[in-house]
Amino acid sequence: MKKFESDKELIEGCLKQDRLCQKALYEKFKLNMMGVCMRYTNSKEEAEDILVEGFMKVFSSLQNYRYECSLKTWIYTIMVNNAITHFRKNSKMDYSYLDDLNIENEYATQDITDEIFGVNNIMKIVQMMPPGYRVVFNLFAIEGYSHKEIAKELNISESTSKSQFLRARKWLMQRLEK
């Protein structure tokens, strides 16, 4: 396969519908983006669906890329948004019963360090989380969204986002203690 000098060269080729450029762009970012997609699912097949759908969005909106951030960051954002959309479409969860719960923030000060548990082990455990916990945990702890932003994205209340995160932390800590 031809080696491309820069992301700009790849982008220009993709905009001209050059299949070699499209394949090169996909190959360059697919492993990183698959990791992103896997954080939001518990099956490789579902993550692959999100990945393919995400790259379709990348190619269809590439003309909107403005070089204001790295191409990787731009694609990453599309993948996260696609995972959120996928979750919303496929979620049968009703969070409304959690809105009025008052959960103490007992886990907020506990740190989980990569040195102790290892990133791969933690990610495998995160993938086993119930879907509502997993999505809120990923958005808050990994992506850096605020609970207000999560509430807006998932169409839930801010308190539901907070309670789902606290429950996810508790669930995760229980698994890690074992």
N, C-alpha and C. Protein backbone atom coordinates (compact mmCIF):
# COMPACT_ATOMS: atom_id res chain seq x y z
N MET A 1 0.84 -1.19 0.00
CA MET A 1 0.00 0.00 0.00
C MET A 1 0.88 1.24 0.00
N LYS A 2 0.47 2.24 -0.69
CA LYS A 2 1.22 3.49 -0.80
C LYS A 2 1.30 4.16 0.57
N LYS A 3 2.44 4.72 0.88
CA LYS A 3 2.64 5.46 2.12
C LYS A 3 2.34 6.93 1.87
N PHE A 4 1.46 7.51 2.68
CA PHE A 4 1.09 8.91 2.50
C PHE A 4 1.92 9.77 3.44
N GLU A 5 2.36 10.90 2.95
CA GLU A 5 3.24 11.79 3.70
C GLU A 5 2.54 12.48 4.86
N SER A 6 1.29 12.84 4.68
CA SER A 6 0.61 13.61 5.72
C SER A 6 -0.88 13.29 5.76
N ASP A 7 -1.49 13.68 6.86
CA ASP A 7 -2.95 13.55 6.97
C ASP A 7 -3.64 14.41 5.91
N LYS A 8 -3.04 15.55 5.62
CA LYS A 8 -3.64 16.44 4.62
C LYS A 8 -3.70 15.74 3.26
N GLU A 9 -2.65 15.03 2.90
CA GLU A 9 -2.63 14.29 1.64
C GLU A 9 -3.71 13.20 1.64
N LEU A 10 -3.85 12.53 2.77
CA LEU A 10 -4.91 11.51 2.90
C LEU A 10 -6.29 12.13 2.74
N ILE A 11 -6.50 13.23 3.42
CA ILE A 11 -7.81 13.90 3.38
C ILE A 11 -8.14 14.35 1.96
N GLU A 12 -7.18 14.96 1.31
CA GLU A 12 -7.42 15.42 -0.06
C GLU A 12 -7.77 14.26 -0.98
N GLY A 13 -7.08 13.13 -0.82
CA GLY A 13 -7.39 11.96 -1.62
C GLY A 13 -8.78 11.41 -1.32
N CYS A 14 -9.13 11.38 -0.05
CA CYS A 14 -10.46 10.89 0.34
C CYS A 14 -11.56 11.78 -0.23
N LEU A 15 -11.31 13.08 -0.22
CA LEU A 15 -12.31 14.01 -0.76
C LEU A 15 -12.50 13.83 -2.27
N LYS A 16 -11.47 13.27 -2.93
CA LYS A 16 -11.56 12.97 -4.36
C LYS A 16 -12.08 11.54 -4.60
N GLN A 17 -12.56 10.91 -3.51
CA GLN A 17 -13.10 9.55 -3.57
C GLN A 17 -12.05 8.51 -3.97
N ASP A 18 -10.79 8.77 -3.68
CA ASP A 18 -9.71 7.84 -3.97
C ASP A 18 -9.78 6.69 -2.96
N ARG A 19 -10.09 5.50 -3.45
CA ARG A 19 -10.27 4.32 -2.58
C ARG A 19 -9.00 3.96 -1.82
N LEU A 20 -7.84 4.16 -2.41
CA LEU A 20 -6.59 3.87 -1.72
C LEU A 20 -6.40 4.80 -0.52
N CYS A 21 -6.75 6.05 -0.69
CA CYS A 21 -6.66 7.02 0.42
C CYS A 21 -7.67 6.67 1.51
N GLN A 22 -8.88 6.31 1.11
CA GLN A 22 -9.90 5.93 2.08
C GLN A 22 -9.45 4.72 2.89
N LYS A 23 -8.89 3.74 2.20
CA LYS A 23 -8.40 2.55 2.89
C LYS A 23 -7.24 2.90 3.82
N ALA A 24 -6.34 3.74 3.36
CA ALA A 24 -5.19 4.14 4.18
C ALA A 24 -5.64 4.89 5.43
N LEU A 25 -6.62 5.78 5.29
CA LEU A 25 -7.13 6.51 6.43
C LEU A 25 -7.77 5.55 7.43
N TYR A 26 -8.57 4.63 6.93
CA TYR A 26 -9.22 3.63 7.78
C TYR A 26 -8.16 2.80 8.51
N GLU A 27 -7.19 2.31 7.79
CA GLU A 27 -6.14 1.46 8.37
C GLU A 27 -5.32 2.22 9.42
N LYS A 28 -5.08 3.49 9.17
CA LYS A 28 -4.28 4.29 10.08
C LYS A 28 -4.95 4.46 11.44
N PHE A 29 -6.28 4.58 11.45
CA PHE A 29 -6.98 4.91 12.69
C PHE A 29 -7.86 3.80 13.25
N LYS A 30 -8.03 2.70 12.53
CA LYS A 30 -9.02 1.71 12.95
C LYS A 30 -8.74 1.08 14.31
N LEU A 31 -7.49 0.78 14.63
CA LEU A 31 -7.20 0.13 15.91
C LEU A 31 -7.51 1.04 17.09
N ASN A 32 -7.07 2.29 17.01
CA ASN A 32 -7.38 3.24 18.09
C ASN A 32 -8.88 3.44 18.24
N MET A 33 -9.56 3.58 17.13
CA MET A 33 -11.00 3.83 17.18
C MET A 33 -11.79 2.60 17.61
N MET A 34 -11.27 1.42 17.29
CA MET A 34 -11.92 0.19 17.76
C MET A 34 -11.85 0.14 19.29
N GLY A 35 -10.73 0.60 19.84
CA GLY A 35 -10.61 0.67 21.30
C GLY A 35 -11.65 1.59 21.90
N VAL A 36 -11.91 2.71 21.24
CA VAL A 36 -12.94 3.65 21.70
C VAL A 36 -14.30 2.95 21.66
N CYS A 37 -14.60 2.31 20.56
CA CYS A 37 -15.91 1.66 20.39
C CYS A 37 -16.10 0.52 21.39
N MET A 38 -15.04 -0.21 21.68
CA MET A 38 -15.13 -1.33 22.63
C MET A 38 -15.48 -0.85 24.03
N ARG A 39 -15.10 0.37 24.39
CA ARG A 39 -15.42 0.88 25.72
C ARG A 39 -16.91 1.07 25.92
N TYR A 40 -17.66 1.19 24.83
CA TYR A 40 -19.09 1.46 24.94
C TYR A 40 -19.95 0.22 24.72
N THR A 41 -19.33 -0.92 24.48
CA THR A 41 -20.09 -2.14 24.24
C THR A 41 -19.48 -3.28 25.04
N ASN A 42 -20.17 -4.40 25.03
CA ASN A 42 -19.57 -5.58 25.65
C ASN A 42 -19.38 -6.69 24.63
N SER A 43 -19.49 -6.35 23.36
CA SER A 43 -19.24 -7.35 22.32
C SER A 43 -18.43 -6.74 21.18
N LYS A 44 -17.54 -7.55 20.65
CA LYS A 44 -16.69 -7.10 19.55
C LYS A 44 -17.55 -6.78 18.32
N GLU A 45 -18.58 -7.57 18.08
CA GLU A 45 -19.44 -7.37 16.91
C GLU A 45 -20.14 -6.02 16.97
N GLU A 46 -20.65 -5.68 18.14
CA GLU A 46 -21.34 -4.40 18.29
C GLU A 46 -20.35 -3.24 18.12
N ALA A 47 -19.15 -3.40 18.68
CA ALA A 47 -18.11 -2.37 18.53
C ALA A 47 -17.73 -2.20 17.07
N GLU A 48 -17.64 -3.31 16.34
CA GLU A 48 -17.32 -3.23 14.91
C GLU A 48 -18.42 -2.49 14.14
N ASP A 49 -19.67 -2.72 14.51
CA ASP A 49 -20.78 -2.00 13.88
C ASP A 49 -20.64 -0.50 14.11
N ILE A 50 -20.33 -0.12 15.35
CA ILE A 50 -20.15 1.30 15.69
C ILE A 50 -18.97 1.87 14.92
N LEU A 51 -17.89 1.10 14.81
CA LEU A 51 -16.70 1.53 14.09
C LEU A 51 -16.99 1.80 12.62
N VAL A 52 -17.64 0.84 11.96
CA VAL A 52 -17.93 0.98 10.54
C VAL A 52 -18.87 2.16 10.30
N GLU A 53 -19.91 2.24 11.12
CA GLU A 53 -20.84 3.36 11.00
C GLU A 53 -20.13 4.69 11.25
N GLY A 54 -19.22 4.70 12.22
CA GLY A 54 -18.45 5.90 12.52
C GLY A 54 -17.57 6.33 11.35
N PHE A 55 -16.89 5.35 10.72
CA PHE A 55 -16.05 5.71 9.58
C PHE A 55 -16.89 6.16 8.39
N MET A 56 -18.09 5.64 8.25
CA MET A 56 -18.97 6.14 7.19
C MET A 56 -19.27 7.62 7.44
N LYS A 57 -19.48 7.98 8.71
CA LYS A 57 -19.72 9.38 9.05
C LYS A 57 -18.47 10.22 8.81
N VAL A 58 -17.31 9.64 9.13
CA VAL A 58 -16.05 10.36 8.88
C VAL A 58 -15.93 10.70 7.40
N PHE A 59 -16.11 9.69 6.55
CA PHE A 59 -15.95 9.92 5.11
C PHE A 59 -17.01 10.86 4.55
N SER A 60 -18.22 10.79 5.09
CA SER A 60 -19.28 11.65 4.56
C SER A 60 -19.17 13.09 5.05
N SER A 61 -18.42 13.31 6.13
CA SER A 61 -18.31 14.69 6.63
C SER A 61 -16.88 15.23 6.60
N LEU A 62 -16.01 14.54 5.90
CA LEU A 62 -14.60 14.94 5.83
C LEU A 62 -14.43 16.35 5.25
N GLN A 63 -15.34 16.76 4.40
CA GLN A 63 -15.24 18.11 3.83
C GLN A 63 -15.42 19.17 4.91
N ASN A 64 -15.95 18.79 6.09
CA ASN A 64 -16.15 19.73 7.19
C ASN A 64 -14.93 19.83 8.12
N TYR A 65 -13.94 18.98 7.94
CA TYR A 65 -12.75 19.01 8.78
C TYR A 65 -11.98 20.30 8.50
N ARG A 66 -11.67 21.04 9.55
CA ARG A 66 -11.08 22.38 9.39
C ARG A 66 -9.64 22.48 9.91
N TYR A 67 -8.99 21.38 10.22
CA TYR A 67 -7.60 21.37 10.69
C TYR A 67 -7.42 22.16 11.98
N GLU A 68 -8.48 22.32 12.77
CA GLU A 68 -8.38 23.04 14.03
C GLU A 68 -7.88 22.14 15.15
N CYS A 69 -7.95 20.85 14.93
CA CYS A 69 -7.41 19.86 15.85
C CYS A 69 -6.80 18.76 14.98
N SER A 70 -6.16 17.79 15.63
CA SER A 70 -5.58 16.72 14.83
C SER A 70 -6.69 15.89 14.19
N LEU A 71 -6.37 15.25 13.10
CA LEU A 71 -7.35 14.39 12.43
C LEU A 71 -7.79 13.27 13.37
N LYS A 72 -6.85 12.74 14.12
CA LYS A 72 -7.17 11.66 15.08
C LYS A 72 -8.20 12.14 16.11
N THR A 73 -8.02 13.34 16.62
CA THR A 73 -8.96 13.90 17.60
C THR A 73 -10.33 14.10 16.97
N TRP A 74 -10.37 14.58 15.75
CA TRP A 74 -11.63 14.80 15.06
C TRP A 74 -12.36 13.48 14.84
N ILE A 75 -11.64 12.46 14.40
CA ILE A 75 -12.25 11.14 14.18
C ILE A 75 -12.70 10.54 15.52
N TYR A 76 -11.89 10.70 16.54
CA TYR A 76 -12.21 10.22 17.89
C TYR A 76 -13.54 10.80 18.36
N THR A 77 -13.72 12.09 18.17
CA THR A 77 -14.96 12.76 18.57
C THR A 77 -16.15 12.17 17.82
N ILE A 78 -16.00 11.91 16.55
CA ILE A 78 -17.07 11.30 15.76
C ILE A 78 -17.39 9.91 16.31
N MET A 79 -16.38 9.13 16.65
CA MET A 79 -16.60 7.77 17.17
C MET A 79 -17.33 7.80 18.51
N VAL A 80 -16.93 8.70 19.40
CA VAL A 80 -17.61 8.81 20.70
C VAL A 80 -19.06 9.21 20.49
N ASN A 81 -19.29 10.21 19.66
CA ASN A 81 -20.67 10.64 19.39
C ASN A 81 -21.49 9.52 18.75
N ASN A 82 -20.86 8.76 17.88
CA ASN A 82 -21.55 7.64 17.24
C ASN A 82 -21.88 6.56 18.27
N ALA A 83 -20.97 6.31 19.20
CA ALA A 83 -21.23 5.32 20.25
C ALA A 83 -22.39 5.77 21.13
N ILE A 84 -22.44 7.06 21.45
CA ILE A 84 -23.54 7.60 22.24
C ILE A 84 -24.86 7.44 21.50
N THR A 85 -24.85 7.79 20.23
CA THR A 85 -26.06 7.65 19.40
C THR A 85 -26.50 6.19 19.34
N HIS A 86 -25.56 5.30 19.15
CA HIS A 86 -25.84 3.86 19.10
C HIS A 86 -26.47 3.41 20.43
N PHE A 87 -25.90 3.87 21.54
CA PHE A 87 -26.44 3.51 22.85
C PHE A 87 -27.86 4.02 23.01
N ARG A 88 -28.08 5.29 22.64
CA ARG A 88 -29.42 5.86 22.77
C ARG A 88 -30.45 5.09 21.95
N LYS A 89 -30.08 4.73 20.71
CA LYS A 89 -31.00 4.01 19.83
C LYS A 89 -31.32 2.61 20.34
N ASN A 90 -30.33 1.97 20.94
CA ASN A 90 -30.48 0.57 21.32
C ASN A 90 -30.76 0.36 22.79
N SER A 91 -30.81 1.43 23.56
CA SER A 91 -31.00 1.30 25.00
C SER A 91 -32.48 1.13 25.32
N LYS A 92 -32.74 0.14 26.11
CA LYS A 92 -34.10 -0.08 26.59
C LYS A 92 -34.21 0.36 28.05
N MET A 93 -33.14 0.98 28.54
CA MET A 93 -33.08 1.33 29.96
C MET A 93 -33.95 2.54 30.26
N ASP A 94 -34.62 2.49 31.39
CA ASP A 94 -35.40 3.60 31.90
C ASP A 94 -34.70 4.09 33.16
N TYR A 95 -34.14 5.28 33.10
CA TYR A 95 -33.40 5.83 34.23
C TYR A 95 -34.30 6.62 35.16
N SER A 96 -35.55 6.83 34.81
CA SER A 96 -36.39 7.76 35.55
C SER A 96 -36.53 7.37 37.02
N TYR A 97 -36.51 6.08 37.34
CA TYR A 97 -36.67 5.66 38.72
C TYR A 97 -35.47 6.04 39.57
N LEU A 98 -34.36 6.39 38.97
CA LEU A 98 -33.16 6.75 39.72
C LEU A 98 -33.08 8.24 40.02
N ASP A 99 -33.92 9.04 39.40
CA ASP A 99 -33.81 10.49 39.52
C ASP A 99 -33.87 10.99 40.96
N ASP A 100 -34.69 10.37 41.78
CA ASP A 100 -34.89 10.88 43.13
C ASP A 100 -33.99 10.22 44.16
N LEU A 101 -33.14 9.31 43.75
CA LEU A 101 -32.26 8.65 44.71
C LEU A 101 -31.17 9.59 45.16
N ASN A 102 -30.87 9.56 46.43
CA ASN A 102 -29.78 10.37 46.96
C ASN A 102 -28.66 9.41 47.33
N ILE A 103 -27.65 9.36 46.49
CA ILE A 103 -26.54 8.43 46.71
C ILE A 103 -25.35 9.21 47.22
N GLU A 104 -24.78 8.74 48.32
CA GLU A 104 -23.61 9.41 48.89
C GLU A 104 -22.43 9.27 47.95
N ASN A 105 -21.58 10.23 47.96
CA ASN A 105 -20.43 10.28 47.07
C ASN A 105 -19.22 9.59 47.72
N GLU A 106 -19.42 8.38 48.27
CA GLU A 106 -18.38 7.69 49.01
C GLU A 106 -17.22 7.24 48.14
N TYR A 107 -17.43 7.11 46.85
CA TYR A 107 -16.37 6.63 45.98
C TYR A 107 -15.66 7.74 45.23
N ALA A 108 -16.11 8.97 45.40
CA ALA A 108 -15.57 10.06 44.60
C ALA A 108 -14.09 10.31 44.85
N THR A 109 -13.61 10.01 46.05
CA THR A 109 -12.21 10.31 46.35
C THR A 109 -11.29 9.12 46.13
N GLN A 110 -11.82 7.96 45.77
CA GLN A 110 -10.97 6.79 45.54
C GLN A 110 -10.39 6.84 44.15
N ASP A 111 -9.10 6.59 44.04
CA ASP A 111 -8.43 6.56 42.74
C ASP A 111 -8.12 5.13 42.35
N ILE A 112 -8.32 4.84 41.08
CA ILE A 112 -7.93 3.55 40.53
C ILE A 112 -6.72 3.81 39.68
N THR A 113 -5.58 3.29 40.06
CA THR A 113 -4.38 3.60 39.29
C THR A 113 -4.06 2.50 38.31
N ASP A 114 -3.58 2.92 37.14
CA ASP A 114 -3.19 1.97 36.10
C ASP A 114 -2.04 1.10 36.56
N GLU A 115 -1.16 1.65 37.41
CA GLU A 115 0.00 0.89 37.86
C GLU A 115 -0.41 -0.33 38.68
N ILE A 116 -1.49 -0.22 39.44
CA ILE A 116 -1.91 -1.32 40.30
C ILE A 116 -2.69 -2.37 39.52
N PHE A 117 -3.64 -1.94 38.71
CA PHE A 117 -4.55 -2.88 38.09
C PHE A 117 -4.28 -3.16 36.62
N GLY A 118 -3.66 -2.23 35.91
CA GLY A 118 -3.42 -2.41 34.49
C GLY A 118 -4.60 -1.94 33.66
N VAL A 119 -4.32 -1.18 32.63
CA VAL A 119 -5.36 -0.61 31.78
C VAL A 119 -6.20 -1.69 31.12
N ASN A 120 -5.56 -2.72 30.59
CA ASN A 120 -6.31 -3.76 29.88
C ASN A 120 -7.27 -4.49 30.81
N ASN A 121 -6.84 -4.79 32.03
CA ASN A 121 -7.73 -5.47 32.97
C ASN A 121 -8.92 -4.60 33.35
N ILE A 122 -8.65 -3.32 33.57
CA ILE A 122 -9.74 -2.41 33.92
C ILE A 122 -10.72 -2.30 32.76
N MET A 123 -10.21 -2.19 31.53
CA MET A 123 -11.09 -2.05 30.38
C MET A 123 -11.94 -3.30 30.17
N LYS A 124 -11.39 -4.48 30.42
CA LYS A 124 -12.18 -5.70 30.32
C LYS A 124 -13.31 -5.71 31.34
N ILE A 125 -13.03 -5.24 32.53
CA ILE A 125 -14.06 -5.18 33.57
C ILE A 125 -15.10 -4.12 33.22
N VAL A 126 -14.66 -2.98 32.71
CA VAL A 126 -15.60 -1.92 32.30
C VAL A 126 -16.56 -2.44 31.23
N GLN A 127 -16.05 -3.27 30.31
CA GLN A 127 -16.91 -3.81 29.26
C GLN A 127 -17.98 -4.73 29.81
N MET A 128 -17.79 -5.27 31.00
CA MET A 128 -18.78 -6.16 31.61
C MET A 128 -19.85 -5.39 32.39
N MET A 129 -19.66 -4.09 32.55
CA MET A 129 -20.63 -3.27 33.29
C MET A 129 -21.99 -3.30 32.62
N PRO A 130 -23.05 -3.14 33.40
CA PRO A 130 -24.36 -2.93 32.79
C PRO A 130 -24.28 -1.72 31.86
N PRO A 131 -25.01 -1.72 30.76
CA PRO A 131 -24.88 -0.66 29.75
C PRO A 131 -25.01 0.77 30.28
N GLY A 132 -25.97 1.03 31.13
CA GLY A 132 -26.15 2.38 31.66
C GLY A 132 -24.96 2.84 32.46
N TYR A 133 -24.43 1.97 33.29
CA TYR A 133 -23.23 2.29 34.06
C TYR A 133 -22.06 2.56 33.12
N ARG A 134 -21.88 1.67 32.16
CA ARG A 134 -20.72 1.72 31.26
C ARG A 134 -20.68 3.02 30.47
N VAL A 135 -21.80 3.42 29.91
CA VAL A 135 -21.82 4.62 29.08
C VAL A 135 -21.53 5.86 29.93
N VAL A 136 -22.20 5.98 31.07
CA VAL A 136 -21.97 7.14 31.92
C VAL A 136 -20.53 7.13 32.45
N PHE A 137 -20.04 5.98 32.86
CA PHE A 137 -18.66 5.87 33.35
C PHE A 137 -17.67 6.33 32.28
N ASN A 138 -17.83 5.82 31.07
CA ASN A 138 -16.94 6.20 29.97
C ASN A 138 -17.00 7.69 29.69
N LEU A 139 -18.20 8.22 29.60
CA LEU A 139 -18.34 9.64 29.27
C LEU A 139 -17.74 10.53 30.36
N PHE A 140 -17.96 10.17 31.62
CA PHE A 140 -17.47 11.02 32.71
C PHE A 140 -16.00 10.78 33.01
N ALA A 141 -15.63 9.53 33.26
CA ALA A 141 -14.27 9.22 33.73
C ALA A 141 -13.24 9.21 32.61
N ILE A 142 -13.63 8.83 31.42
CA ILE A 142 -12.64 8.68 30.35
C ILE A 142 -12.71 9.84 29.36
N GLU A 143 -13.90 10.20 28.94
CA GLU A 143 -14.04 11.26 27.93
C GLU A 143 -14.01 12.65 28.55
N GLY A 144 -14.29 12.77 29.85
CA GLY A 144 -14.22 14.06 30.51
C GLY A 144 -15.48 14.90 30.40
N TYR A 145 -16.60 14.30 30.03
CA TYR A 145 -17.87 15.03 29.97
C TYR A 145 -18.30 15.38 31.40
N SER A 146 -19.01 16.47 31.56
CA SER A 146 -19.61 16.81 32.85
C SER A 146 -20.93 16.04 32.96
N HIS A 147 -21.45 15.95 34.18
CA HIS A 147 -22.74 15.27 34.34
C HIS A 147 -23.86 16.03 33.62
N LYS A 148 -23.72 17.33 33.54
CA LYS A 148 -24.70 18.13 32.81
C LYS A 148 -24.68 17.77 31.32
N GLU A 149 -23.48 17.65 30.76
CA GLU A 149 -23.34 17.27 29.34
C GLU A 149 -23.85 15.85 29.09
N ILE A 150 -23.55 14.94 30.01
CA ILE A 150 -24.02 13.56 29.87
C ILE A 150 -25.54 13.51 29.90
N ALA A 151 -26.11 14.25 30.84
CA ALA A 151 -27.57 14.30 30.95
C ALA A 151 -28.20 14.76 29.64
N LYS A 152 -27.61 15.79 29.05
CA LYS A 152 -28.14 16.30 27.79
C LYS A 152 -27.98 15.27 26.66
N GLU A 153 -26.81 14.65 26.57
CA GLU A 153 -26.54 13.67 25.51
C GLU A 153 -27.45 12.45 25.60
N LEU A 154 -27.68 11.97 26.82
CA LEU A 154 -28.46 10.73 27.00
C LEU A 154 -29.93 10.98 27.32
N ASN A 155 -30.31 12.25 27.38
CA ASN A 155 -31.69 12.61 27.68
C ASN A 155 -32.13 12.06 29.04
N ILE A 156 -31.29 12.27 30.04
CA ILE A 156 -31.57 11.88 31.41
C ILE A 156 -31.32 13.10 32.28
N SER A 157 -31.66 13.00 33.57
CA SER A 157 -31.39 14.12 34.47
C SER A 157 -29.93 14.08 34.91
N GLU A 158 -29.46 15.21 35.38
CA GLU A 158 -28.09 15.30 35.88
C GLU A 158 -27.89 14.38 37.09
N SER A 159 -28.89 14.31 37.96
CA SER A 159 -28.77 13.44 39.14
C SER A 159 -28.73 11.97 38.74
N THR A 160 -29.41 11.60 37.66
CA THR A 160 -29.34 10.23 37.17
C THR A 160 -27.94 9.92 36.67
N SER A 161 -27.34 10.86 35.97
CA SER A 161 -25.96 10.68 35.50
C SER A 161 -25.03 10.47 36.69
N LYS A 162 -25.18 11.30 37.71
CA LYS A 162 -24.33 11.18 38.90
C LYS A 162 -24.54 9.84 39.59
N SER A 163 -25.79 9.44 39.74
CA SER A 163 -26.05 8.17 40.43
C SER A 163 -25.55 6.98 39.62
N GLN A 164 -25.69 7.04 38.30
CA GLN A 164 -25.18 5.96 37.46
C GLN A 164 -23.66 5.88 37.55
N PHE A 165 -22.99 7.03 37.60
CA PHE A 165 -21.55 7.03 37.73
C PHE A 165 -21.13 6.44 39.08
N LEU A 166 -21.78 6.87 40.15
CA LEU A 166 -21.43 6.34 41.47
C LEU A 166 -21.68 4.84 41.56
N ARG A 167 -22.77 4.39 40.97
CA ARG A 167 -23.05 2.96 40.96
C ARG A 167 -22.01 2.21 40.12
N ALA A 168 -21.60 2.83 39.02
CA ALA A 168 -20.57 2.22 38.17
C ALA A 168 -19.26 2.12 38.94
N ARG A 169 -18.89 3.16 39.65
CA ARG A 169 -17.66 3.14 40.46
C ARG A 169 -17.73 2.04 41.51
N LYS A 170 -18.86 1.96 42.19
CA LYS A 170 -19.04 0.92 43.22
C LYS A 170 -18.95 -0.46 42.59
N TRP A 171 -19.62 -0.63 41.47
CA TRP A 171 -19.60 -1.92 40.75
C TRP A 171 -18.18 -2.27 40.35
N LEU A 172 -17.45 -1.30 39.81
CA LEU A 172 -16.07 -1.51 39.38
C LEU A 172 -15.17 -1.83 40.56
N MET A 173 -15.30 -1.10 41.64
CA MET A 173 -14.46 -1.34 42.82
C MET A 173 -14.70 -2.73 43.39
N GLN A 174 -15.95 -3.17 43.41
CA GLN A 174 -16.25 -4.52 43.90
C GLN A 174 -15.56 -5.58 43.04
N ARG A 175 -15.55 -5.39 41.73
CA ARG A 175 -14.89 -6.36 40.83
C ARG A 175 -13.38 -6.32 41.00
N LEU A 176 -12.83 -5.13 41.17
CA LEU A 176 -11.38 -4.99 41.31
C LEU A 176 -10.88 -5.54 42.64
N GLU A 177 -11.72 -5.46 43.68
CA GLU A 177 -11.33 -6.01 44.99
C GLU A 177 -11.23 -7.53 44.93
N LYS A 178 -11.99 -8.15 44.04
CA LYS A 178 -11.94 -9.61 43.91
C LYS A 178 -10.66 -9.96 43.22
